[in-house]
Amino acid sequence: MRILKVAVVVMGVLIVAGTTALVVLIARGMSTLGTPHAGTPQATTPQAALDEPAGSRIVAMTRVANGLALALQGGGEPDRVVVIDPANGRVLLRIGISR
């Protein structure tokens, strides 16, 4: 009977210790959730210079195999599609669309 009491007390202590450790780990993880870790490269936002005339507007955008396709209208020119490389903002392709 004495061994059973000791086992129950030891298991109770282990449950409390494990629960405490779990709460501490979760709290530590949530406190560093929004901060970047050391050695993690910071994300940069590439910018693309499309060299389109004033009044041009993007009417559609979609991801293609090697870039980002932008459908452009206006600016005194016919409708057109410009494909840019999202990694560095370089224009890869220009396609004019005639009606």
PDB file of N, CA and C in Angstrom:
ATOM      1  N   MET A   1       0.826  -1.192   0.000  1.00  0.00           N
ATOM      2  CA  MET A   1       0.000   0.000   0.000  1.00  0.00           C
ATOM      3  C   MET A   1       0.868   1.254   0.000  1.00  0.00           C
ATOM      4  N   ARG A   2       1.981   1.182   0.718  1.00  0.00           N
ATOM      5  CA  ARG A   2       2.883   2.328   0.825  1.00  0.00           C
ATOM      6  C   ARG A   2       3.501   2.648  -0.546  1.00  0.00           C
ATOM      7  N   ILE A   3       3.827   1.617  -1.328  1.00  0.00           N
ATOM      8  CA  ILE A   3       4.417   1.815  -2.658  1.00  0.00           C
ATOM      9  C   ILE A   3       3.405   2.502  -3.577  1.00  0.00           C
ATOM     10  N   LEU A   4       2.153   2.155  -3.458  1.00  0.00           N
ATOM     11  CA  LEU A   4       1.108   2.774  -4.269  1.00  0.00           C
ATOM     12  C   LEU A   4       0.985   4.261  -3.968  1.00  0.00           C
ATOM     13  N   LYS A   5       1.054   4.634  -2.680  1.00  0.00           N
ATOM     14  CA  LYS A   5       0.977   6.047  -2.305  1.00  0.00           C
ATOM     15  C   LYS A   5       2.168   6.827  -2.858  1.00  0.00           C
ATOM     16  N   VAL A   6       3.347   6.255  -2.758  1.00  0.00           N
ATOM     17  CA  VAL A   6       4.553   6.907  -3.284  1.00  0.00           C
ATOM     18  C   VAL A   6       4.434   7.077  -4.796  1.00  0.00           C
ATOM     19  N   ALA A   7       3.950   6.052  -5.497  1.00  0.00           N
ATOM     20  CA  ALA A   7       3.799   6.123  -6.951  1.00  0.00           C
ATOM     21  C   ALA A   7       2.809   7.213  -7.347  1.00  0.00           C
ATOM     22  N   VAL A   8       1.707   7.327  -6.621  1.00  0.00           N
ATOM     23  CA  VAL A   8       0.707   8.355  -6.914  1.00  0.00           C
ATOM     24  C   VAL A   8       1.282   9.743  -6.702  1.00  0.00           C
ATOM     25  N   VAL A   9       2.032   9.951  -5.636  1.00  0.00           N
ATOM     26  CA  VAL A   9       2.637  11.258  -5.362  1.00  0.00           C
ATOM     27  C   VAL A   9       3.667  11.601  -6.431  1.00  0.00           C
ATOM     28  N   VAL A  10       4.518  10.645  -6.803  1.00  0.00           N
ATOM     29  CA  VAL A  10       5.540  10.890  -7.829  1.00  0.00           C
ATOM     30  C   VAL A  10       4.881  11.222  -9.164  1.00  0.00           C
ATOM     31  N   MET A  11       3.845  10.490  -9.558  1.00  0.00           N
ATOM     32  CA  MET A  11       3.155  10.776 -10.822  1.00  0.00           C
ATOM     33  C   MET A  11       2.457  12.136 -10.788  1.00  0.00           C
ATOM     34  N   GLY A  12       1.923  12.515  -9.645  1.00  0.00           N
ATOM     35  CA  GLY A  12       1.305  13.838  -9.510  1.00  0.00           C
ATOM     36  C   GLY A  12       2.323  14.944  -9.690  1.00  0.00           C
ATOM     37  N   VAL A  13       3.511  14.767  -9.082  1.00  0.00           N
ATOM     38  CA  VAL A  13       4.587  15.759  -9.230  1.00  0.00           C
ATOM     39  C   VAL A  13       5.030  15.829 -10.687  1.00  0.00           C
ATOM     40  N   LEU A  14       5.159  14.697 -11.366  1.00  0.00           N
ATOM     41  CA  LEU A  14       5.553  14.687 -12.779  1.00  0.00           C
ATOM     42  C   LEU A  14       4.517  15.385 -13.658  1.00  0.00           C
ATOM     43  N   ILE A  15       3.242  15.193 -13.370  1.00  0.00           N
ATOM     44  CA  ILE A  15       2.193  15.861 -14.148  1.00  0.00           C
ATOM     45  C   ILE A  15       2.269  17.368 -13.961  1.00  0.00           C
ATOM     46  N   VAL A  16       2.442  17.831 -12.736  1.00  0.00           N
ATOM     47  CA  VAL A  16       2.535  19.276 -12.471  1.00  0.00           C
ATOM     48  C   VAL A  16       3.781  19.854 -13.136  1.00  0.00           C
ATOM     49  N   ALA A  17       4.926  19.150 -13.036  1.00  0.00           N
ATOM     50  CA  ALA A  17       6.172  19.637 -13.640  1.00  0.00           C
ATOM     51  C   ALA A  17       6.053  19.683 -15.163  1.00  0.00           C
ATOM     52  N   GLY A  18       5.456  18.665 -15.753  1.00  0.00           N
ATOM     53  CA  GLY A  18       5.295  18.648 -17.206  1.00  0.00           C
ATOM     54  C   GLY A  18       4.368  19.741 -17.697  1.00  0.00           C
ATOM     55  N   THR A  19       3.278  19.972 -16.993  1.00  0.00           N
ATOM     56  CA  THR A  19       2.350  21.036 -17.368  1.00  0.00           C
ATOM     57  C   THR A  19       3.009  22.401 -17.259  1.00  0.00           C
ATOM     58  N   THR A  20       3.787  22.609 -16.200  1.00  0.00           N
ATOM     59  CA  THR A  20       4.498  23.875 -16.024  1.00  0.00           C
ATOM     60  C   THR A  20       5.507  24.091 -17.148  1.00  0.00           C
ATOM     61  N   ALA A  21       6.260  23.055 -17.490  1.00  0.00           N
ATOM     62  CA  ALA A  21       7.241  23.169 -18.571  1.00  0.00           C
ATOM     63  C   ALA A  21       6.558  23.484 -19.898  1.00  0.00           C
ATOM     64  N   LEU A  22       5.430  22.858 -20.157  1.00  0.00           N
ATOM     65  CA  LEU A  22       4.690  23.112 -21.389  1.00  0.00           C
ATOM     66  C   LEU A  22       4.202  24.551 -21.469  1.00  0.00           C
ATOM     67  N   VAL A  23       3.660  25.068 -20.375  1.00  0.00           N
ATOM     68  CA  VAL A  23       3.185  26.459 -20.347  1.00  0.00           C
ATOM     69  C   VAL A  23       4.348  27.424 -20.565  1.00  0.00           C
ATOM     70  N   VAL A  24       5.493  27.159 -19.955  1.00  0.00           N
ATOM     71  CA  VAL A  24       6.662  28.032 -20.118  1.00  0.00           C
ATOM     72  C   VAL A  24       7.137  28.019 -21.565  1.00  0.00           C
ATOM     73  N   LEU A  25       7.205  26.849 -22.195  1.00  0.00           N
ATOM     74  CA  LEU A  25       7.640  26.769 -23.590  1.00  0.00           C
ATOM     75  C   LEU A  25       6.682  27.483 -24.534  1.00  0.00           C
ATOM     76  N   ILE A  26       5.396  27.345 -24.311  1.00  0.00           N
ATOM     77  CA  ILE A  26       4.409  28.035 -25.157  1.00  0.00           C
ATOM     78  C   ILE A  26       4.524  29.544 -24.970  1.00  0.00           C
ATOM     79  N   ALA A  27       4.664  30.005 -23.740  1.00  0.00           N
ATOM     80  CA  ALA A  27       4.789  31.444 -23.478  1.00  0.00           C
ATOM     81  C   ALA A  27       6.060  31.998 -24.115  1.00  0.00           C
ATOM     82  N   ARG A  28       7.149  31.260 -24.054  1.00  0.00           N
ATOM     83  CA  ARG A  28       8.411  31.713 -24.651  1.00  0.00           C
ATOM     84  C   ARG A  28       8.284  31.774 -26.169  1.00  0.00           C
ATOM     85  N   GLY A  29       7.620  30.798 -26.755  1.00  0.00           N
ATOM     86  CA  GLY A  29       7.434  30.786 -28.205  1.00  0.00           C
ATOM     87  C   GLY A  29       6.554  31.925 -28.677  1.00  0.00           C
ATOM     88  N   MET A  30       5.518  32.265 -27.912  1.00  0.00           N
ATOM     89  CA  MET A  30       4.626  33.350 -28.312  1.00  0.00           C
ATOM     90  C   MET A  30       5.273  34.709 -28.124  1.00  0.00           C
ATOM     91  N   SER A  31       6.188  34.837 -27.185  1.00  0.00           N
ATOM     92  CA  SER A  31       6.827  36.134 -26.971  1.00  0.00           C
ATOM     93  C   SER A  31       7.796  36.466 -28.092  1.00  0.00           C
ATOM     94  N   THR A  32       8.339  35.469 -28.788  1.00  0.00           N
ATOM     95  CA  THR A  32       9.268  35.711 -29.897  1.00  0.00           C
ATOM     96  C   THR A  32       8.611  35.508 -31.246  1.00  0.00           C
ATOM     97  N   LEU A  33       7.285  35.464 -31.286  1.00  0.00           N
ATOM     98  CA  LEU A  33       6.572  35.163 -32.515  1.00  0.00           C
ATOM     99  C   LEU A  33       6.788  36.215 -33.596  1.00  0.00           C
ATOM    100  N   GLY A  34       6.750  37.486 -33.250  1.00  0.00           N
ATOM    101  CA  GLY A  34       6.859  38.538 -34.249  1.00  0.00           C
ATOM    102  C   GLY A  34       8.261  39.049 -34.486  1.00  0.00           C
ATOM    103  N   THR A  35       9.245  38.595 -33.744  1.00  0.00           N
ATOM    104  CA  THR A  35      10.600  39.103 -33.899  1.00  0.00           C
ATOM    105  C   THR A  35      11.401  38.155 -34.778  1.00  0.00           C
ATOM    106  N   PRO A  36      12.219  38.710 -35.700  1.00  0.00           N
ATOM    107  CA  PRO A  36      13.034  37.847 -36.551  1.00  0.00           C
ATOM    108  C   PRO A  36      14.178  37.234 -35.744  1.00  0.00           C
ATOM    109  N   HIS A  37      14.551  36.038 -36.102  1.00  0.00           N
ATOM    110  CA  HIS A  37      15.648  35.356 -35.427  1.00  0.00           C
ATOM    111  C   HIS A  37      16.975  35.849 -35.976  1.00  0.00           C
ATOM    112  N   ALA A  38      18.025  35.727 -35.191  1.00  0.00           N
ATOM    113  CA  ALA A  38      19.355  36.134 -35.631  1.00  0.00           C
ATOM    114  C   ALA A  38      19.765  35.289 -36.824  1.00  0.00           C
ATOM    115  N   GLY A  39      20.312  35.913 -37.833  1.00  0.00           N
ATOM    116  CA  GLY A  39      20.754  35.192 -39.012  1.00  0.00           C
ATOM    117  C   GLY A  39      19.678  35.033 -40.068  1.00  0.00           C
ATOM    118  N   THR A  40      18.447  35.398 -39.775  1.00  0.00           N
ATOM    119  CA  THR A  40      17.372  35.304 -40.749  1.00  0.00           C
ATOM    120  C   THR A  40      17.433  36.530 -41.660  1.00  0.00           C
ATOM    121  N   PRO A  41      17.546  36.340 -42.973  1.00  0.00           N
ATOM    122  CA  PRO A  41      17.603  37.503 -43.857  1.00  0.00           C
ATOM    123  C   PRO A  41      16.272  38.247 -43.850  1.00  0.00           C
ATOM    124  N   GLN A  42      16.340  39.555 -43.848  1.00  0.00           N
ATOM    125  CA  GLN A  42      15.135  40.374 -43.873  1.00  0.00           C
ATOM    126  C   GLN A  42      14.583  40.392 -45.294  1.00  0.00           C
ATOM    127  N   ALA A  43      13.283  40.257 -45.399  1.00  0.00           N
ATOM    128  CA  ALA A  43      12.635  40.273 -46.708  1.00  0.00           C
ATOM    129  C   ALA A  43      12.668  41.688 -47.274  1.00  0.00           C
ATOM    130  N   THR A  44      13.018  41.801 -48.536  1.00  0.00           N
ATOM    131  CA  THR A  44      13.003  43.095 -49.201  1.00  0.00           C
ATOM    132  C   THR A  44      11.915  43.068 -50.257  1.00  0.00           C
ATOM    133  N   THR A  45      11.369  44.210 -50.524  1.00  0.00           N
ATOM    134  CA  THR A  45      10.321  44.320 -51.525  1.00  0.00           C
ATOM    135  C   THR A  45      10.933  44.854 -52.809  1.00  0.00           C
ATOM    136  N   PRO A  46      11.032  44.019 -53.833  1.00  0.00           N
ATOM    137  CA  PRO A  46      11.589  44.519 -55.090  1.00  0.00           C
ATOM    138  C   PRO A  46      10.620  45.493 -55.751  1.00  0.00           C
ATOM    139  N   GLN A  47      11.164  46.443 -56.456  1.00  0.00           N
ATOM    140  CA  GLN A  47      10.341  47.411 -57.154  1.00  0.00           C
ATOM    141  C   GLN A  47      10.621  47.295 -58.638  1.00  0.00           C
ATOM    142  N   ALA A  48       9.572  47.393 -59.437  1.00  0.00           N
ATOM    143  CA  ALA A  48       9.705  47.277 -60.883  1.00  0.00           C
ATOM    144  C   ALA A  48       9.389  48.613 -61.529  1.00  0.00           C
ATOM    145  N   ALA A  49      10.266  49.043 -62.422  1.00  0.00           N
ATOM    146  CA  ALA A  49      10.020  50.243 -63.220  1.00  0.00           C
ATOM    147  C   ALA A  49       9.488  49.773 -64.569  1.00  0.00           C
ATOM    148  N   LEU A  50       8.194  49.960 -64.803  1.00  0.00           N
ATOM    149  CA  LEU A  50       7.568  49.456 -66.018  1.00  0.00           C
ATOM    150  C   LEU A  50       7.748  50.389 -67.210  1.00  0.00           C
ATOM    151  N   ASP A  51       8.098  51.645 -66.981  1.00  0.00           N
ATOM    152  CA  ASP A  51       8.273  52.641 -68.046  1.00  0.00           C
ATOM    153  C   ASP A  51       7.053  52.713 -68.952  1.00  0.00           C
ATOM    154  N   GLU A  52       5.887  52.774 -68.361  1.00  0.00           N
ATOM    155  CA  GLU A  52       4.633  52.904 -69.095  1.00  0.00           C
ATOM    156  C   GLU A  52       4.212  54.368 -69.079  1.00  0.00           C
ATOM    157  N   PRO A  53       3.471  54.814 -70.107  1.00  0.00           N
ATOM    158  CA  PRO A  53       3.047  56.209 -70.157  1.00  0.00           C
ATOM    159  C   PRO A  53       2.055  56.546 -69.035  1.00  0.00           C
ATOM    160  N   ALA A  54       2.000  57.824 -68.715  1.00  0.00           N
ATOM    161  CA  ALA A  54       1.066  58.295 -67.686  1.00  0.00           C
ATOM    162  C   ALA A  54      -0.352  57.946 -68.094  1.00  0.00           C
ATOM    163  N   GLY A  55      -1.165  57.551 -67.157  1.00  0.00           N
ATOM    164  CA  GLY A  55      -2.542  57.173 -67.424  1.00  0.00           C
ATOM    165  C   GLY A  55      -2.719  55.672 -67.597  1.00  0.00           C
ATOM    166  N   SER A  56      -1.616  54.932 -67.638  1.00  0.00           N
ATOM    167  CA  SER A  56      -1.706  53.479 -67.727  1.00  0.00           C
ATOM    168  C   SER A  56      -2.197  52.922 -66.396  1.00  0.00           C
ATOM    169  N   ARG A  57      -2.962  51.843 -66.481  1.00  0.00           N
ATOM    170  CA  ARG A  57      -3.436  51.226 -65.238  1.00  0.00           C
ATOM    171  C   ARG A  57      -3.384  49.708 -65.375  1.00  0.00           C
ATOM    172  N   ILE A  58      -3.170  49.049 -64.239  1.00  0.00           N
ATOM    173  CA  ILE A  58      -3.143  47.591 -64.199  1.00  0.00           C
ATOM    174  C   ILE A  58      -4.586  47.118 -64.028  1.00  0.00           C
ATOM    175  N   VAL A  59      -5.062  46.296 -64.973  1.00  0.00           N
ATOM    176  CA  VAL A  59      -6.439  45.806 -64.899  1.00  0.00           C
ATOM    177  C   VAL A  59      -6.512  44.349 -64.454  1.00  0.00           C
ATOM    178  N   ALA A  60      -5.402  43.617 -64.561  1.00  0.00           N
ATOM    179  CA  ALA A  60      -5.372  42.224 -64.107  1.00  0.00           C
ATOM    180  C   ALA A  60      -3.930  41.844 -63.812  1.00  0.00           C
ATOM    181  N   MET A  61      -3.797  40.865 -62.937  1.00  0.00           N
ATOM    182  CA  MET A  61      -2.473  40.407 -62.551  1.00  0.00           C
ATOM    183  C   MET A  61      -2.575  38.914 -62.249  1.00  0.00           C
ATOM    184  N   THR A  62      -1.606  38.144 -62.733  1.00  0.00           N
ATOM    185  CA  THR A  62      -1.613  36.705 -62.466  1.00  0.00           C
ATOM    186  C   THR A  62      -0.189  36.176 -62.454  1.00  0.00           C
ATOM    187  N   ARG A  63       0.002  35.104 -61.720  1.00  0.00           N
ATOM    188  CA  ARG A  63       1.303  34.456 -61.639  1.00  0.00           C
ATOM    189  C   ARG A  63       1.474  33.539 -62.842  1.00  0.00           C
ATOM    190  N   VAL A  64       2.607  33.641 -63.512  1.00  0.00           N
ATOM    191  CA  VAL A  64       2.935  32.745 -64.621  1.00  0.00           C
ATOM    192  C   VAL A  64       4.176  31.949 -64.233  1.00  0.00           C
ATOM    193  N   ALA A  65       4.591  31.038 -65.101  1.00  0.00           N
ATOM    194  CA  ALA A  65       5.671  30.111 -64.770  1.00  0.00           C
ATOM    195  C   ALA A  65       6.929  30.807 -64.242  1.00  0.00           C
ATOM    196  N   ASN A  66       7.372  31.845 -64.910  1.00  0.00           N
ATOM    197  CA  ASN A  66       8.627  32.475 -64.500  1.00  0.00           C
ATOM    198  C   ASN A  66       8.463  33.922 -64.072  1.00  0.00           C
ATOM    199  N   GLY A  67       7.272  34.351 -63.764  1.00  0.00           N
ATOM    200  CA  GLY A  67       7.111  35.737 -63.359  1.00  0.00           C
ATOM    201  C   GLY A  67       5.684  36.098 -62.999  1.00  0.00           C
ATOM    202  N   LEU A  68       5.414  37.392 -63.114  1.00  0.00           N
ATOM    203  CA  LEU A  68       4.118  37.958 -62.781  1.00  0.00           C
ATOM    204  C   LEU A  68       3.625  38.717 -64.005  1.00  0.00           C
ATOM    205  N   ALA A  69       2.461  38.325 -64.538  1.00  0.00           N
ATOM    206  CA  ALA A  69       1.915  38.952 -65.736  1.00  0.00           C
ATOM    207  C   ALA A  69       0.937  40.050 -65.334  1.00  0.00           C
ATOM    208  N   LEU A  70       1.143  41.245 -65.889  1.00  0.00           N
ATOM    209  CA  LEU A  70       0.286  42.392 -65.628  1.00  0.00           C
ATOM    210  C   LEU A  70      -0.417  42.783 -66.923  1.00  0.00           C
ATOM    211  N   ALA A  71      -1.733  42.851 -66.905  1.00  0.00           N
ATOM    212  CA  ALA A  71      -2.498  43.344 -68.050  1.00  0.00           C
ATOM    213  C   ALA A  71      -2.685  44.841 -67.854  1.00  0.00           C
ATOM    214  N   LEU A  72      -2.234  45.628 -68.825  1.00  0.00           N
ATOM    215  CA  LEU A  72      -2.262  47.089 -68.723  1.00  0.00           C
ATOM    216  C   LEU A  72      -3.189  47.674 -69.780  1.00  0.00           C
ATOM    217  N   GLN A  73      -3.853  48.773 -69.418  1.00  0.00           N
ATOM    218  CA  GLN A  73      -4.715  49.511 -70.345  1.00  0.00           C
ATOM    219  C   GLN A  73      -4.437  50.995 -70.176  1.00  0.00           C
ATOM    220  N   GLY A  74      -4.812  51.751 -71.199  1.00  0.00           N
ATOM    221  CA  GLY A  74      -4.749  53.213 -71.117  1.00  0.00           C
ATOM    222  C   GLY A  74      -3.377  53.778 -71.413  1.00  0.00           C
ATOM    223  N   GLY A  75      -3.241  55.053 -71.138  1.00  0.00           N
ATOM    224  CA  GLY A  75      -1.981  55.742 -71.388  1.00  0.00           C
ATOM    225  C   GLY A  75      -1.772  56.080 -72.848  1.00  0.00           C
ATOM    226  N   GLY A  76      -2.842  56.035 -73.660  1.00  0.00           N
ATOM    227  CA  GLY A  76      -2.722  56.368 -75.073  1.00  0.00           C
ATOM    228  C   GLY A  76      -2.131  55.249 -75.907  1.00  0.00           C
ATOM    229  N   GLU A  77      -1.980  54.084 -75.383  1.00  0.00           N
ATOM    230  CA  GLU A  77      -1.425  52.956 -76.120  1.00  0.00           C
ATOM    231  C   GLU A  77      -2.435  51.817 -76.122  1.00  0.00           C
ATOM    232  N   PRO A  78      -2.269  50.846 -77.046  1.00  0.00           N
ATOM    233  CA  PRO A  78      -3.179  49.694 -77.039  1.00  0.00           C
ATOM    234  C   PRO A  78      -2.981  48.850 -75.772  1.00  0.00           C
ATOM    235  N   ASP A  79      -3.973  48.000 -75.506  1.00  0.00           N
ATOM    236  CA  ASP A  79      -3.843  47.111 -74.354  1.00  0.00           C
ATOM    237  C   ASP A  79      -2.582  46.269 -74.500  1.00  0.00           C
ATOM    238  N   ARG A  80      -1.982  45.911 -73.381  1.00  0.00           N
ATOM    239  CA  ARG A  80      -0.723  45.177 -73.427  1.00  0.00           C
ATOM    240  C   ARG A  80      -0.549  44.333 -72.173  1.00  0.00           C
ATOM    241  N   VAL A  81       0.360  43.377 -72.262  1.00  0.00           N
ATOM    242  CA  VAL A  81       0.716  42.523 -71.130  1.00  0.00           C
ATOM    243  C   VAL A  81       2.208  42.673 -70.898  1.00  0.00           C
ATOM    244  N   VAL A  82       2.574  42.877 -69.641  1.00  0.00           N
ATOM    245  CA  VAL A  82       3.979  42.977 -69.251  1.00  0.00           C
ATOM    246  C   VAL A  82       4.237  41.881 -68.237  1.00  0.00           C
ATOM    247  N   VAL A  83       5.282  41.094 -68.469  1.00  0.00           N
ATOM    248  CA  VAL A  83       5.672  40.041 -67.529  1.00  0.00           C
ATOM    249  C   VAL A  83       6.927  40.509 -66.816  1.00  0.00           C
ATOM    250  N   ILE A  84       6.883  40.503 -65.486  1.00  0.00           N
ATOM    251  CA  ILE A  84       8.041  40.935 -64.698  1.00  0.00           C
ATOM    252  C   ILE A  84       8.527  39.776 -63.828  1.00  0.00           C
ATOM    253  N   ASP A  85       9.788  39.836 -63.478  1.00  0.00           N
ATOM    254  CA  ASP A  85      10.383  38.863 -62.557  1.00  0.00           C
ATOM    255  C   ASP A  85      10.175  39.399 -61.146  1.00  0.00           C
ATOM    256  N   PRO A  86       9.360  38.729 -60.311  1.00  0.00           N
ATOM    257  CA  PRO A  86       9.071  39.267 -58.981  1.00  0.00           C
ATOM    258  C   PRO A  86      10.281  39.274 -58.046  1.00  0.00           C
ATOM    259  N   ALA A  87      11.294  38.496 -58.348  1.00  0.00           N
ATOM    260  CA  ALA A  87      12.467  38.439 -57.472  1.00  0.00           C
ATOM    261  C   ALA A  87      13.287  39.717 -57.544  1.00  0.00           C
ATOM    262  N   ASN A  88      13.411  40.298 -58.758  1.00  0.00           N
ATOM    263  CA  ASN A  88      14.247  41.501 -58.877  1.00  0.00           C
ATOM    264  C   ASN A  88      13.545  42.675 -59.552  1.00  0.00           C
ATOM    265  N   GLY A  89      12.305  42.502 -59.993  1.00  0.00           N
ATOM    266  CA  GLY A  89      11.549  43.603 -60.574  1.00  0.00           C
ATOM    267  C   GLY A  89      11.869  43.887 -62.027  1.00  0.00           C
ATOM    268  N   ARG A  90      12.668  43.046 -62.686  1.00  0.00           N
ATOM    269  CA  ARG A  90      13.034  43.248 -64.088  1.00  0.00           C
ATOM    270  C   ARG A  90      11.883  42.893 -65.014  1.00  0.00           C
ATOM    271  N   VAL A  91      11.708  43.662 -66.072  1.00  0.00           N
ATOM    272  CA  VAL A  91      10.700  43.351 -67.093  1.00  0.00           C
ATOM    273  C   VAL A  91      11.256  42.241 -67.975  1.00  0.00           C
ATOM    274  N   LEU A  92      10.523  41.119 -68.053  1.00  0.00           N
ATOM    275  CA  LEU A  92      10.969  39.980 -68.852  1.00  0.00           C
ATOM    276  C   LEU A  92      10.408  40.005 -70.263  1.00  0.00           C
ATOM    277  N   LEU A  93       9.160  40.494 -70.416  1.00  0.00           N
ATOM    278  CA  LEU A  93       8.477  40.401 -71.705  1.00  0.00           C
ATOM    279  C   LEU A  93       7.414  41.475 -71.803  1.00  0.00           C
ATOM    280  N   ARG A  94       7.264  42.051 -73.006  1.00  0.00           N
ATOM    281  CA  ARG A  94       6.186  42.996 -73.292  1.00  0.00           C
ATOM    282  C   ARG A  94       5.428  42.468 -74.503  1.00  0.00           C
ATOM    283  N   ILE A  95       4.101  42.412 -74.387  1.00  0.00           N
ATOM    284  CA  ILE A  95       3.275  41.931 -75.491  1.00  0.00           C
ATOM    285  C   ILE A  95       2.163  42.953 -75.728  1.00  0.00           C
ATOM    286  N   GLY A  96       2.087  43.478 -76.958  1.00  0.00           N
ATOM    287  CA  GLY A  96       1.014  44.391 -77.326  1.00  0.00           C
ATOM    288  C   GLY A  96      -0.191  43.594 -77.814  1.00  0.00           C
ATOM    289  N   ILE A  97      -1.392  44.034 -77.453  1.00  0.00           N
ATOM    290  CA  ILE A  97      -2.615  43.332 -77.851  1.00  0.00           C
ATOM    291  C   ILE A  97      -3.425  44.282 -78.734  1.00  0.00           C
ATOM    292  N   SER A  98      -3.673  43.863 -79.978  1.00  0.00           N
ATOM    293  CA  SER A  98      -4.487  44.684 -80.868  1.00  0.00           C
ATOM    294  C   SER A  98      -5.879  44.070 -80.982  1.00  0.00           C
ATOM    295  N   ARG A  99      -6.843  44.917 -81.280  1.00  0.00           N
ATOM    296  CA  ARG A  99      -8.231  44.448 -81.384  1.00  0.00           C
ATOM    297  C   ARG A  99      -8.632  44.281 -82.797  1.00  0.00           C
TER     298      ARG A  99
END
